[in-house]
């Protein structure tokens, strides 16, 4: 049995990788300016785009945040993925963003570096959302007051 175990593929994600992804997602969400979700299915099969769209619609987020949200989906059983977004993020994010995320995820998945690819996709989504939404959301707000004891 030892020889058979040597030929088994490594798991889709180890527990350590799952923890790293959860930490990275939490960090990205704090800075993104819009919701980012990461969903990993272990057994699902079929079209990953259709599954991701269904999960996006079932995602329990406030209605007013859904148009800017991005969901990154991966299937551990099939090693396939999809990235879907709400109507506003699809409208403002350039086609090059979606293409880049797909190409990079595919490259990482082809190399069986699933955690690296998902981590990078989350980071790229946060960067894009921050540039698209955080600046526009803050443009009419007053700057914070200077720290106490500083010159005006």
C-alpha atoms as a PDB file:
ATOM      1  CA  UNK A   1       0.000   0.000   0.000  1.00  0.00           C
ATOM      2  CA  UNK A   2       2.953   2.344   0.549  1.00  0.00           C
ATOM      3  CA  UNK A   3       3.776   2.224  -3.155  1.00  0.00           C
ATOM      4  CA  UNK A   4       0.157   2.989  -4.083  1.00  0.00           C
ATOM      5  CA  UNK A   5       0.111   5.971  -1.728  1.00  0.00           C
ATOM      6  CA  UNK A   6       3.204   7.344  -3.463  1.00  0.00           C
ATOM      7  CA  UNK A   7       1.278   7.534  -6.751  1.00  0.00           C
ATOM      8  CA  UNK A   8      -1.744   9.350  -5.344  1.00  0.00           C
ATOM      9  CA  UNK A   9      -2.132  12.939  -6.339  1.00  0.00           C
ATOM     10  CA  UNK A  10      -1.790  15.481  -3.627  1.00  0.00           C
ATOM     11  CA  UNK A  11      -5.081  16.917  -2.368  1.00  0.00           C
ATOM     12  CA  UNK A  12      -6.569  19.861  -4.212  1.00  0.00           C
ATOM     13  CA  UNK A  13      -5.803  22.094  -1.222  1.00  0.00           C
ATOM     14  CA  UNK A  14      -4.100  21.179   2.019  1.00  0.00           C
ATOM     15  CA  UNK A  15      -5.441  22.438   5.329  1.00  0.00           C
ATOM     16  CA  UNK A  16      -2.548  24.920   5.508  1.00  0.00           C
ATOM     17  CA  UNK A  17      -3.358  26.219   2.018  1.00  0.00           C
ATOM     18  CA  UNK A  18      -7.018  26.614   2.976  1.00  0.00           C
ATOM     19  CA  UNK A  19      -5.975  28.653   6.016  1.00  0.00           C
ATOM     20  CA  UNK A  20      -3.671  30.805   3.876  1.00  0.00           C
ATOM     21  CA  UNK A  21      -6.483  31.429   1.404  1.00  0.00           C
ATOM     22  CA  UNK A  22      -8.899  32.349   4.201  1.00  0.00           C
ATOM     23  CA  UNK A  23      -6.368  34.824   5.622  1.00  0.00           C
ATOM     24  CA  UNK A  24      -5.655  36.283   2.186  1.00  0.00           C
ATOM     25  CA  UNK A  25      -9.352  36.613   1.419  1.00  0.00           C
ATOM     26  CA  UNK A  26     -10.007  38.388   4.726  1.00  0.00           C
ATOM     27  CA  UNK A  27      -7.151  40.804   4.034  1.00  0.00           C
ATOM     28  CA  UNK A  28      -8.297  41.446   0.470  1.00  0.00           C
ATOM     29  CA  UNK A  29     -11.888  42.060   1.563  1.00  0.00           C
ATOM     30  CA  UNK A  30     -10.763  44.729   4.014  1.00  0.00           C
ATOM     31  CA  UNK A  31      -9.134  46.690   1.190  1.00  0.00           C
ATOM     32  CA  UNK A  32     -11.250  45.902  -1.868  1.00  0.00           C
ATOM     33  CA  UNK A  33     -14.099  48.376  -1.586  1.00  0.00           C
ATOM     34  CA  UNK A  34     -16.556  45.623  -2.635  1.00  0.00           C
ATOM     35  CA  UNK A  35     -17.285  42.006  -1.631  1.00  0.00           C
ATOM     36  CA  UNK A  36     -15.052  39.175  -2.805  1.00  0.00           C
ATOM     37  CA  UNK A  37     -16.048  35.576  -2.276  1.00  0.00           C
ATOM     38  CA  UNK A  38     -14.101  32.358  -2.677  1.00  0.00           C
ATOM     39  CA  UNK A  39     -16.004  29.113  -2.974  1.00  0.00           C
ATOM     40  CA  UNK A  40     -14.338  25.733  -3.291  1.00  0.00           C
ATOM     41  CA  UNK A  41     -16.421  22.667  -4.136  1.00  0.00           C
ATOM     42  CA  UNK A  42     -14.912  19.259  -3.532  1.00  0.00           C
ATOM     43  CA  UNK A  43     -17.410  17.092  -5.400  1.00  0.00           C
ATOM     44  CA  UNK A  44     -19.359  19.229  -7.854  1.00  0.00           C
ATOM     45  CA  UNK A  45     -19.036  18.518 -11.526  1.00  0.00           C
ATOM     46  CA  UNK A  46     -20.407  20.046 -14.665  1.00  0.00           C
ATOM     47  CA  UNK A  47     -19.979  23.532 -16.018  1.00  0.00           C
ATOM     48  CA  UNK A  48     -17.997  25.664 -13.551  1.00  0.00           C
ATOM     49  CA  UNK A  49     -19.403  28.914 -15.014  1.00  0.00           C
ATOM     50  CA  UNK A  50     -22.982  27.779 -14.430  1.00  0.00           C
ATOM     51  CA  UNK A  51     -22.141  26.587 -10.917  1.00  0.00           C
ATOM     52  CA  UNK A  52     -20.367  29.864 -10.108  1.00  0.00           C
ATOM     53  CA  UNK A  53     -23.330  31.945 -11.369  1.00  0.00           C
ATOM     54  CA  UNK A  54     -25.719  29.864  -9.243  1.00  0.00           C
ATOM     55  CA  UNK A  55     -23.523  30.273  -6.162  1.00  0.00           C
ATOM     56  CA  UNK A  56     -23.234  33.997  -6.870  1.00  0.00           C
ATOM     57  CA  UNK A  57     -27.020  34.343  -6.907  1.00  0.00           C
ATOM     58  CA  UNK A  58     -27.326  32.328  -3.677  1.00  0.00           C
ATOM     59  CA  UNK A  59     -24.546  34.318  -1.963  1.00  0.00           C
ATOM     60  CA  UNK A  60     -25.947  35.998   1.144  1.00  0.00           C
ATOM     61  CA  UNK A  61     -24.693  39.552   0.690  1.00  0.00           C
ATOM     62  CA  UNK A  62     -26.640  42.805   0.872  1.00  0.00           C
ATOM     63  CA  UNK A  63     -28.528  43.585  -2.332  1.00  0.00           C
ATOM     64  CA  UNK A  64     -26.797  46.941  -2.760  1.00  0.00           C
ATOM     65  CA  UNK A  65     -23.343  45.244  -2.656  1.00  0.00           C
ATOM     66  CA  UNK A  66     -24.136  42.495  -5.184  1.00  0.00           C
ATOM     67  CA  UNK A  67     -23.514  44.623  -8.334  1.00  0.00           C
ATOM     68  CA  UNK A  68     -19.884  45.211  -7.292  1.00  0.00           C
ATOM     69  CA  UNK A  69     -19.146  41.734  -5.919  1.00  0.00           C
ATOM     70  CA  UNK A  70     -16.805  39.126  -7.404  1.00  0.00           C
ATOM     71  CA  UNK A  71     -16.989  35.397  -6.700  1.00  0.00           C
ATOM     72  CA  UNK A  72     -14.037  33.126  -7.443  1.00  0.00           C
ATOM     73  CA  UNK A  73     -15.082  29.492  -7.742  1.00  0.00           C
ATOM     74  CA  UNK A  74     -12.954  26.340  -7.932  1.00  0.00           C
ATOM     75  CA  UNK A  75     -13.895  22.683  -8.104  1.00  0.00           C
ATOM     76  CA  UNK A  76     -11.465  20.326  -6.398  1.00  0.00           C
ATOM     77  CA  UNK A  77     -12.886  17.273  -8.153  1.00  0.00           C
ATOM     78  CA  UNK A  78     -12.497  18.564 -11.700  1.00  0.00           C
ATOM     79  CA  UNK A  79      -9.747  21.159 -11.137  1.00  0.00           C
ATOM     80  CA  UNK A  80     -11.791  23.734 -13.027  1.00  0.00           C
ATOM     81  CA  UNK A  81     -12.633  27.282 -12.025  1.00  0.00           C
ATOM     82  CA  UNK A  82     -14.751  30.321 -12.868  1.00  0.00           C
ATOM     83  CA  UNK A  83     -14.789  33.965 -11.867  1.00  0.00           C
ATOM     84  CA  UNK A  84     -18.100  35.838 -11.933  1.00  0.00           C
ATOM     85  CA  UNK A  85     -19.114  39.324 -10.944  1.00  0.00           C
ATOM     86  CA  UNK A  86     -22.092  41.558 -10.459  1.00  0.00           C
ATOM     87  CA  UNK A  87     -23.421  43.811 -13.195  1.00  0.00           C
ATOM     88  CA  UNK A  88     -21.534  46.951 -12.133  1.00  0.00           C
ATOM     89  CA  UNK A  89     -18.155  45.258 -11.780  1.00  0.00           C
ATOM     90  CA  UNK A  90     -18.633  43.549 -15.157  1.00  0.00           C
ATOM     91  CA  UNK A  91     -19.357  46.959 -16.666  1.00  0.00           C
ATOM     92  CA  UNK A  92     -16.413  48.861 -15.154  1.00  0.00           C
ATOM     93  CA  UNK A  93     -13.687  46.203 -15.136  1.00  0.00           C
ATOM     94  CA  UNK A  94     -11.868  46.113 -18.453  1.00  0.00           C
ATOM     95  CA  UNK A  95     -11.980  42.951 -20.535  1.00  0.00           C
ATOM     96  CA  UNK A  96      -8.220  42.660 -19.986  1.00  0.00           C
ATOM     97  CA  UNK A  97      -8.824  42.170 -16.245  1.00  0.00           C
ATOM     98  CA  UNK A  98     -11.138  39.188 -16.778  1.00  0.00           C
ATOM     99  CA  UNK A  99      -8.803  37.702 -19.394  1.00  0.00           C
ATOM    100  CA  UNK A 100      -5.739  38.126 -17.166  1.00  0.00           C
ATOM    101  CA  UNK A 101      -7.432  36.476 -14.181  1.00  0.00           C
ATOM    102  CA  UNK A 102      -8.526  33.552 -16.354  1.00  0.00           C
ATOM    103  CA  UNK A 103      -5.113  33.075 -18.002  1.00  0.00           C
ATOM    104  CA  UNK A 104      -3.261  33.227 -14.691  1.00  0.00           C
ATOM    105  CA  UNK A 105      -5.668  30.839 -12.971  1.00  0.00           C
ATOM    106  CA  UNK A 106      -5.389  28.409 -15.879  1.00  0.00           C
ATOM    107  CA  UNK A 107      -1.593  28.539 -15.777  1.00  0.00           C
ATOM    108  CA  UNK A 108      -1.524  27.870 -12.039  1.00  0.00           C
ATOM    109  CA  UNK A 109      -4.112  25.090 -12.310  1.00  0.00           C
ATOM    110  CA  UNK A 110      -2.164  23.478 -15.164  1.00  0.00           C
ATOM    111  CA  UNK A 111       0.895  23.473 -12.887  1.00  0.00           C
ATOM    112  CA  UNK A 112      -1.225  22.086  -9.988  1.00  0.00           C
ATOM    113  CA  UNK A 113      -0.479  25.246  -7.989  1.00  0.00           C
ATOM    114  CA  UNK A 114      -4.105  25.786  -7.061  1.00  0.00           C
ATOM    115  CA  UNK A 115      -3.532  27.792  -3.889  1.00  0.00           C
ATOM    116  CA  UNK A 116      -1.153  30.203  -5.636  1.00  0.00           C
ATOM    117  CA  UNK A 117      -3.601  30.764  -8.471  1.00  0.00           C
ATOM    118  CA  UNK A 118      -6.602  31.323  -6.210  1.00  0.00           C
ATOM    119  CA  UNK A 119      -4.595  33.611  -3.926  1.00  0.00           C
ATOM    120  CA  UNK A 120      -3.481  35.707  -6.890  1.00  0.00           C
ATOM    121  CA  UNK A 121      -7.020  35.854  -8.304  1.00  0.00           C
ATOM    122  CA  UNK A 122      -8.333  37.134  -4.964  1.00  0.00           C
ATOM    123  CA  UNK A 123      -5.582  39.757  -4.802  1.00  0.00           C
ATOM    124  CA  UNK A 124      -6.197  40.898  -8.387  1.00  0.00           C
ATOM    125  CA  UNK A 125      -9.941  41.165  -7.730  1.00  0.00           C
ATOM    126  CA  UNK A 126      -9.278  43.318  -4.655  1.00  0.00           C
ATOM    127  CA  UNK A 127      -6.906  45.594  -6.555  1.00  0.00           C
ATOM    128  CA  UNK A 128      -9.353  46.046  -9.410  1.00  0.00           C
ATOM    129  CA  UNK A 129     -12.313  46.685  -7.093  1.00  0.00           C
ATOM    130  CA  UNK A 130     -10.328  49.162  -5.020  1.00  0.00           C
ATOM    131  CA  UNK A 131      -9.262  51.124  -8.070  1.00  0.00           C
ATOM    132  CA  UNK A 132     -12.752  51.051  -9.586  1.00  0.00           C
ATOM    133  CA  UNK A 133     -14.888  51.675  -6.508  1.00  0.00           C
ATOM    134  CA  UNK A 134     -12.979  52.968  -3.477  1.00  0.00           C
ATOM    135  CA  UNK A 135     -11.794  56.101  -5.251  1.00  0.00           C
ATOM    136  CA  UNK A 136     -15.255  56.955  -6.552  1.00  0.00           C
ATOM    137  CA  UNK A 137     -16.905  56.202  -3.208  1.00  0.00           C
ATOM    138  CA  UNK A 138     -14.565  58.551  -1.353  1.00  0.00           C
ATOM    139  CA  UNK A 139     -14.294  61.419  -3.818  1.00  0.00           C
ATOM    140  CA  UNK A 140     -16.988  63.532  -2.138  1.00  0.00           C
ATOM    141  CA  UNK A 141     -16.053  62.864   1.466  1.00  0.00           C
ATOM    142  CA  UNK A 142     -14.142  65.306   3.614  1.00  0.00           C
ATOM    143  CA  UNK A 143     -10.510  64.471   4.348  1.00  0.00           C
ATOM    144  CA  UNK A 144      -9.814  63.328   7.903  1.00  0.00           C
ATOM    145  CA  UNK A 145      -8.752  66.038  10.354  1.00  0.00           C
ATOM    146  CA  UNK A 146      -5.033  66.415  10.972  1.00  0.00           C
ATOM    147  CA  UNK A 147      -3.644  64.507  13.962  1.00  0.00           C
ATOM    148  CA  UNK A 148      -3.788  66.332  17.265  1.00  0.00           C
ATOM    149  CA  UNK A 149      -0.763  68.527  17.817  1.00  0.00           C
ATOM    150  CA  UNK A 150       0.083  68.862  14.118  1.00  0.00           C
ATOM    151  CA  UNK A 151       0.208  72.074  12.129  1.00  0.00           C
ATOM    152  CA  UNK A 152      -2.959  72.781  10.108  1.00  0.00           C
END
